[in-house]
Amino acid sequence: MSTEVLIVGAGAIGAFYASRLALVPNTQVSVVCRSNYSAVKANGFKVTSPQYGNNTFVPAHTFANPEEARKSGIKWDFIVVSTKALPDVSDDSKILEGLVSDRTAIVLIQNGLGVEAPYLKRFPHASICTAVTIASCAQPTPGHITHNRWTRINSGPYLPHLDTGAALPSDTKVVQQNDQFVKMLVDGGIKDASAYDHSKLQLVRWHKIAINASMNPSSVLAGCISNYDMSNDPELSIHLKGVMDEVMETAPMILGKPFPPDFATPEQIIRSTRKNTSGSKPSMALDWEQGKTMELEVILGNPIRIARERGFEMPRMQTLYALLRMAQANREKAKSKSKM
């Protein structure tokens, strides 16, 4: 009996991990595509990587929308959601209605904080796993995925009741499903894939917020420049470290736990970024250049609000949020006027 995996949001990240999962014996990987549907339906994904080589991944099924996936009648073991988290635009948990069964584990490979809440609300009895990845991937043309440097991914069961109470009997199932998903990634060649418990995974989410909240908005405000250029600029590198320090000092006070000693420091992150000569830009910069909505709420807004609820302010992040929130709102107004 094969393991059935559905990737919802088969862009650069989703397609890259789908191509690795498809290498696992007795695993069928299907995808729900959006703008790249025609290219993928015709030719599959062309994946190029200096680490894994060049290959073509042809999904078991390529769906144009969730309704097609529902009509297939397939019982999914894992539904991997790799769409951009834009709670100010739409609730993507609705996409999964009719796809989640008792055997399904929902795996969220999304940026930001608070991304799990809509899924927990809509599917209160479902297994939810939450994953954080640092993977340098892009889709320069529909169906062509380029992978550059990183392939780190950490996944953990989402069990928020453990923050304030005791474990539940149902926790064991979620932990086992999360372990299975991580094993599949490892079997697919992702050596830097790790299974974490609930609390450590939330620390990982805050750690990645330190990276994303510093580099993403800063790139947009600096003219959509690359991570490499920002980290090598004397003044910008000071700014990046300042934002990272702010997050890494605040998060342990919110969570009541320190970051593990093996988590990279701001200095280590910046030194590593200075070696990335691929020219890759943060996702917000790419979205801004393409006129798309940026992930402002889950990367900036939610962390700021969570901190405020606990009595903490993050002024550097708040400044970035205020400026980009207004810039995005004004651009949307300009778009609306141009259509009148």
Protein backbone atom coordinates (compact mmCIF):
# COMPACT_ATOMS: atom_id res chain seq x y z
CA MET A 1 0.00 0.00 0.00
CA SER A 2 1.52 3.32 -1.09
CA THR A 3 1.73 6.49 0.94
CA GLU A 4 -0.32 9.22 -0.74
CA VAL A 5 1.08 12.76 -0.51
CA LEU A 6 -0.62 15.89 -1.83
CA ILE A 7 1.35 19.12 -2.23
CA VAL A 8 -0.92 22.17 -2.09
CA GLY A 9 0.86 25.17 -3.56
CA ALA A 10 3.45 23.55 -5.83
CA GLY A 11 5.65 26.58 -6.31
CA ALA A 12 9.42 26.56 -5.84
CA ILE A 13 9.53 25.18 -2.27
CA GLY A 14 6.58 22.79 -2.61
CA ALA A 15 7.79 21.36 -5.91
CA PHE A 16 11.36 20.93 -4.70
CA TYR A 17 10.33 18.90 -1.65
CA ALA A 18 7.76 17.01 -3.75
CA SER A 19 10.55 15.94 -6.10
CA ARG A 20 12.52 14.49 -3.18
CA LEU A 21 9.54 12.77 -1.53
CA ALA A 22 8.68 11.14 -4.87
CA LEU A 23 11.98 9.22 -4.68
CA VAL A 24 10.84 7.34 -1.57
CA PRO A 25 9.70 3.79 -2.36
CA ASN A 26 5.92 3.21 -2.30
CA THR A 27 5.19 6.94 -2.20
CA GLN A 28 2.86 8.67 -4.63
CA VAL A 29 3.21 12.45 -4.75
CA SER A 30 0.50 14.57 -6.38
CA VAL A 31 0.32 18.35 -6.67
CA VAL A 32 -2.21 21.17 -6.82
CA CYS A 33 -0.79 23.85 -9.10
CA ARG A 34 -1.83 27.39 -9.83
CA SER A 35 -0.14 29.55 -12.45
CA ASN A 36 2.25 26.75 -13.47
CA TYR A 37 -0.47 24.14 -14.06
CA SER A 38 -0.27 23.96 -17.86
CA ALA A 39 3.52 23.56 -17.91
CA VAL A 40 3.54 20.93 -15.15
CA LYS A 41 0.61 18.99 -16.61
CA ALA A 42 2.43 18.79 -19.94
CA ASN A 43 6.01 18.15 -18.85
CA GLY A 44 6.25 17.76 -15.07
CA PHE A 45 8.84 19.74 -13.12
CA LYS A 46 12.38 20.26 -14.34
CA VAL A 47 14.53 20.52 -11.19
CA THR A 48 18.12 21.79 -11.39
CA SER A 49 20.41 21.64 -8.38
CA PRO A 50 24.20 21.71 -7.86
CA GLN A 51 23.66 19.42 -4.88
CA TYR A 52 21.18 16.90 -6.26
CA GLY A 53 21.81 17.19 -9.98
CA ASN A 54 19.24 17.81 -12.71
CA ASN A 55 16.11 15.71 -13.02
CA THR A 56 12.49 15.73 -14.09
CA PHE A 57 9.75 15.05 -11.54
CA VAL A 58 6.40 13.95 -12.97
CA PRO A 59 3.69 14.03 -10.26
CA ALA A 60 1.39 11.03 -9.86
CA HIS A 61 -1.50 13.47 -10.40
CA THR A 62 -1.43 17.14 -11.36
CA PHE A 63 -4.55 19.01 -10.27
CA ALA A 64 -5.56 22.47 -11.45
CA ASN A 65 -7.45 23.18 -8.22
CA PRO A 66 -8.48 21.54 -4.92
CA GLU A 67 -11.84 20.51 -6.37
CA GLU A 68 -10.08 18.21 -8.85
CA ALA A 69 -8.16 16.66 -5.96
CA ARG A 70 -11.41 16.12 -4.07
CA LYS A 71 -13.04 14.45 -7.06
CA SER A 72 -10.11 12.02 -7.37
CA GLY A 73 -11.36 10.24 -4.25
CA ILE A 74 -7.82 9.62 -3.04
CA LYS A 75 -7.34 9.29 0.73
CA TRP A 76 -4.30 11.40 1.53
CA ASP A 77 -1.79 10.37 4.18
CA PHE A 78 -0.04 13.74 4.09
CA ILE A 79 -1.25 17.08 2.75
CA VAL A 80 1.71 19.43 2.54
CA VAL A 81 0.72 23.10 2.38
CA SER A 82 3.44 25.30 0.92
CA THR A 83 1.40 28.32 -0.13
CA LYS A 84 2.31 31.80 1.02
CA ALA A 85 0.60 32.60 4.33
CA LEU A 86 -1.54 35.70 3.69
CA PRO A 87 -4.19 35.80 6.44
CA ASP A 88 -5.01 39.41 5.54
CA VAL A 89 -6.01 38.22 2.05
CA SER A 90 -7.51 34.74 2.48
CA ASP A 91 -7.86 31.75 4.79
CA ASP A 92 -6.07 28.96 2.95
CA SER A 93 -7.26 26.33 5.42
CA LYS A 94 -10.56 26.42 3.51
CA ILE A 95 -8.75 24.92 0.50
CA LEU A 96 -8.38 21.64 2.40
CA GLU A 97 -12.10 21.12 3.06
CA GLY A 98 -13.11 17.71 1.77
CA LEU A 99 -9.49 16.53 1.51
CA VAL A 100 -8.71 15.81 5.16
CA SER A 101 -9.64 12.38 6.54
CA ASP A 102 -8.90 10.52 9.77
CA ARG A 103 -5.64 9.23 8.26
CA THR A 104 -4.42 12.65 7.08
CA ALA A 105 -1.62 14.67 8.63
CA ILE A 106 -1.55 18.32 7.53
CA VAL A 107 2.04 19.53 7.17
CA LEU A 108 2.50 23.31 7.01
CA ILE A 109 5.72 24.40 5.30
CA GLN A 110 5.04 28.12 5.60
CA ASN A 111 6.86 31.19 6.83
CA GLY A 112 5.91 33.15 9.89
CA LEU A 113 4.18 32.82 13.24
CA GLY A 114 0.59 31.84 13.88
CA VAL A 115 0.17 29.99 10.58
CA GLU A 116 -1.24 26.92 12.32
CA ALA A 117 -4.22 28.63 14.00
CA PRO A 118 -6.63 28.67 11.00
CA TYR A 119 -6.04 24.95 10.35
CA LEU A 120 -6.53 24.00 14.00
CA LYS A 121 -9.77 25.98 14.07
CA ARG A 122 -11.15 24.41 10.87
CA PHE A 123 -9.86 20.87 11.57
CA PRO A 124 -9.81 20.59 15.38
CA HIS A 125 -9.39 16.81 15.37
CA ALA A 126 -6.82 16.57 12.57
CA SER A 127 -3.12 15.90 12.98
CA ILE A 128 -1.19 19.08 12.28
CA CYS A 129 2.57 19.19 11.80
CA THR A 130 4.39 22.46 11.36
CA ALA A 131 7.66 22.77 9.47
CA VAL A 132 10.30 25.45 9.01
CA THR A 133 12.64 25.34 6.06
CA ILE A 134 15.59 27.27 4.78
CA ALA A 135 15.86 26.27 1.15
CA SER A 136 17.22 28.48 -1.58
CA CYS A 137 14.75 27.68 -4.36
CA ALA A 138 13.16 29.64 -7.19
CA GLN A 139 10.88 29.07 -10.17
CA PRO A 140 12.28 31.31 -12.95
CA THR A 141 9.79 29.93 -15.48
CA PRO A 142 6.67 27.80 -14.93
CA GLY A 143 7.65 24.24 -14.09
CA HIS A 144 11.39 24.95 -13.82
CA ILE A 145 12.66 24.75 -10.23
CA THR A 146 16.17 25.88 -9.38
CA HIS A 147 17.73 24.86 -6.08
CA ASN A 148 20.87 26.68 -5.01
CA ARG A 149 22.33 26.14 -1.58
CA TRP A 150 20.33 25.27 1.54
CA THR A 151 18.01 22.34 2.23
CA ARG A 152 17.42 22.51 5.96
CA ILE A 153 13.96 21.58 7.24
CA ASN A 154 12.67 20.96 10.76
CA SER A 155 9.20 19.60 11.43
CA GLY A 156 7.28 19.08 14.65
CA PRO A 157 3.80 18.19 15.88
CA TYR A 158 1.61 21.20 16.59
CA LEU A 159 0.29 20.58 20.12
CA PRO A 160 -0.48 24.03 21.59
CA HIS A 161 -2.21 22.56 24.64
CA LEU A 162 1.25 21.60 25.89
CA ASP A 163 2.01 25.31 26.36
CA THR A 164 -0.36 25.48 29.30
CA GLY A 165 -1.39 21.92 30.15
CA ALA A 166 -0.71 18.21 29.97
CA ALA A 167 -0.33 15.85 27.04
CA LEU A 168 -3.35 14.14 25.46
CA PRO A 169 -3.65 10.51 24.29
CA SER A 170 -4.04 11.74 20.69
CA ASP A 171 -0.58 13.36 20.79
CA THR A 172 1.14 10.04 20.11
CA LYS A 173 -0.44 9.72 16.67
CA VAL A 174 0.65 13.22 15.62
CA VAL A 175 4.22 12.61 16.81
CA GLN A 176 4.38 9.34 14.87
CA GLN A 177 3.07 10.98 11.70
CA ASN A 178 5.59 13.79 12.04
CA ASP A 179 8.40 11.26 12.50
CA GLN A 180 7.24 9.41 9.40
CA PHE A 181 7.21 12.60 7.32
CA VAL A 182 10.74 13.50 8.39
CA LYS A 183 11.95 9.97 7.65
CA MET A 184 10.49 10.27 4.15
CA LEU A 185 12.44 13.50 3.61
CA VAL A 186 15.65 11.83 4.77
CA ASP A 187 14.97 8.81 2.56
CA GLY A 188 14.47 11.25 -0.31
CA GLY A 189 17.97 12.62 0.17
CA ILE A 190 17.31 15.60 2.48
CA LYS A 191 20.00 14.82 5.04
CA ASP A 192 19.39 17.99 7.05
CA ALA A 193 15.81 17.11 8.01
CA SER A 194 15.02 16.82 11.71
CA ALA A 195 12.00 15.97 13.83
CA TYR A 196 11.52 18.33 16.78
CA ASP A 197 9.01 18.36 19.60
CA HIS A 198 6.33 21.03 19.82
CA SER A 199 8.21 23.54 21.96
CA LYS A 200 11.51 23.32 20.07
CA LEU A 201 9.75 23.75 16.73
CA GLN A 202 8.15 26.98 17.95
CA LEU A 203 11.62 28.19 18.93
CA VAL A 204 12.70 27.37 15.39
CA ARG A 205 9.83 29.47 14.02
CA TRP A 206 10.96 32.45 16.10
CA HIS A 207 14.55 31.87 15.02
CA LYS A 208 13.54 32.00 11.37
CA ILE A 209 11.46 35.11 12.10
CA ALA A 210 14.74 36.74 13.15
CA ILE A 211 16.11 36.01 9.68
CA ASN A 212 12.99 36.76 7.65
CA ALA A 213 11.92 39.86 9.59
CA SER A 214 15.35 41.39 9.13
CA MET A 215 16.15 40.51 5.52
CA ASN A 216 12.78 40.45 3.78
CA PRO A 217 11.48 43.96 4.54
CA SER A 218 14.97 45.47 4.48
CA SER A 219 15.53 44.24 0.94
CA VAL A 220 12.28 45.81 -0.26
CA LEU A 221 13.08 49.15 1.38
CA ALA A 222 16.64 49.06 0.00
CA GLY A 223 15.44 48.62 -3.57
CA CYS A 224 14.92 44.84 -3.69
CA ILE A 225 18.60 43.95 -3.39
CA SER A 226 19.98 40.48 -2.64
CA ASN A 227 20.78 39.00 0.76
CA TYR A 228 24.43 38.95 -0.27
CA ASP A 229 24.46 42.69 -1.02
CA MET A 230 22.71 43.55 2.25
CA SER A 231 25.02 41.44 4.39
CA ASN A 232 28.11 42.96 2.76
CA ASP A 233 27.00 46.57 3.17
CA PRO A 234 28.52 48.06 6.36
CA GLU A 235 25.43 49.97 7.49
CA LEU A 236 22.82 47.45 6.35
CA SER A 237 24.64 44.59 8.05
CA ILE A 238 24.48 46.53 11.35
CA HIS A 239 20.76 47.04 10.79
CA LEU A 240 20.18 43.33 10.02
CA LYS A 241 21.99 42.28 13.18
CA GLY A 242 19.97 44.78 15.20
CA VAL A 243 16.65 43.31 14.06
CA MET A 244 17.88 39.75 14.66
CA ASP A 245 19.11 40.66 18.14
CA GLU A 246 15.73 42.21 18.95
CA VAL A 247 13.85 39.03 18.01
CA MET A 248 16.30 36.67 19.68
CA GLU A 249 16.22 38.65 22.91
CA THR A 250 12.41 38.91 22.96
CA ALA A 251 11.39 35.38 21.91
CA PRO A 252 12.85 33.54 24.96
CA MET A 253 10.97 35.93 27.25
CA ILE A 254 7.72 35.14 25.41
CA LEU A 255 8.25 31.38 25.24
CA GLY A 256 9.88 31.03 28.65
CA LYS A 257 12.71 28.99 27.12
CA PRO A 258 16.13 29.94 25.76
CA PHE A 259 17.23 29.22 22.23
CA PRO A 260 19.27 25.98 22.09
CA PRO A 261 23.02 26.61 21.90
CA ASP A 262 23.22 24.96 18.48
CA PHE A 263 20.96 27.63 16.90
CA ALA A 264 22.94 30.08 14.77
CA THR A 265 23.66 33.52 16.23
CA PRO A 266 23.01 36.73 14.24
CA GLU A 267 26.75 37.01 13.60
CA GLN A 268 26.89 33.47 12.23
CA ILE A 269 23.84 34.06 10.02
CA ILE A 270 25.33 37.20 8.51
CA ARG A 271 28.71 35.52 7.93
CA SER A 272 26.98 32.65 6.16
CA THR A 273 24.89 35.04 4.06
CA ARG A 274 28.05 36.82 2.91
CA LYS A 275 29.11 33.55 1.27
CA ASN A 276 25.88 33.16 -0.73
CA THR A 277 26.88 34.55 -4.11
CA SER A 278 23.85 33.12 -5.94
CA GLY A 279 22.22 36.56 -6.05
CA SER A 280 19.04 35.24 -4.44
CA LYS A 281 16.60 37.78 -3.05
CA PRO A 282 14.16 37.42 -0.14
CA SER A 283 10.63 36.36 -1.03
CA MET A 284 9.16 39.75 -0.10
CA ALA A 285 11.45 41.45 -2.60
CA LEU A 286 10.35 39.07 -5.34
CA ASP A 287 6.70 39.64 -4.42
CA TRP A 288 7.14 43.41 -4.43
CA GLU A 289 8.83 43.34 -7.83
CA GLN A 290 6.00 41.23 -9.22
CA GLY A 291 3.25 43.35 -7.69
CA LYS A 292 2.12 40.57 -5.35
CA THR A 293 0.93 40.81 -1.75
CA MET A 294 3.75 40.34 0.75
CA GLU A 295 3.68 38.08 3.82
CA LEU A 296 3.71 41.06 6.16
CA GLU A 297 1.30 39.74 8.78
CA VAL A 298 2.88 36.35 9.55
CA ILE A 299 6.46 37.62 9.36
CA LEU A 300 6.07 41.03 11.03
CA GLY A 301 2.53 41.70 12.25
CA ASN A 302 1.86 38.49 14.21
CA PRO A 303 5.21 38.49 16.08
CA ILE A 304 4.72 42.13 17.04
CA ARG A 305 1.18 41.45 18.30
CA ILE A 306 2.23 38.31 20.20
CA ALA A 307 5.02 40.27 21.89
CA ARG A 308 2.68 43.14 22.81
CA GLU A 309 0.22 40.72 24.40
CA ARG A 310 3.05 39.67 26.70
CA GLY A 311 4.10 43.26 27.41
CA PHE A 312 7.08 43.48 25.06
CA GLU A 313 7.78 45.89 22.21
CA MET A 314 10.05 45.30 19.21
CA PRO A 315 10.61 48.82 17.84
CA ARG A 316 12.91 47.85 14.97
CA MET A 317 10.41 45.31 13.64
CA GLN A 318 7.51 47.67 14.26
CA THR A 319 9.19 50.35 12.14
CA LEU A 320 9.70 47.94 9.24
CA TYR A 321 6.09 46.73 9.56
CA ALA A 322 4.61 50.23 9.66
CA LEU A 323 6.55 51.40 6.60
CA LEU A 324 5.88 48.37 4.42
CA ARG A 325 2.25 48.04 5.50
CA MET A 326 1.62 51.60 4.35
CA ALA A 327 3.65 51.14 1.15
CA GLN A 328 1.63 48.06 0.24
CA ALA A 329 -1.68 49.73 1.07
CA ASN A 330 -0.83 52.77 -1.06
CA ARG A 331 0.22 50.58 -3.97
CA GLU A 332 -3.08 48.68 -3.80
CA LYS A 333 -4.99 51.98 -3.78
CA ALA A 334 -3.05 53.11 -6.84
CA LYS A 335 -3.91 49.84 -8.59
CA SER A 336 -7.60 50.28 -7.81
CA LYS A 337 -7.62 53.85 -9.15
CA SER A 338 -5.90 52.80 -12.37
CA LYS A 339 -8.69 50.27 -13.03
CA MET A 340 -11.46 52.84 -12.61
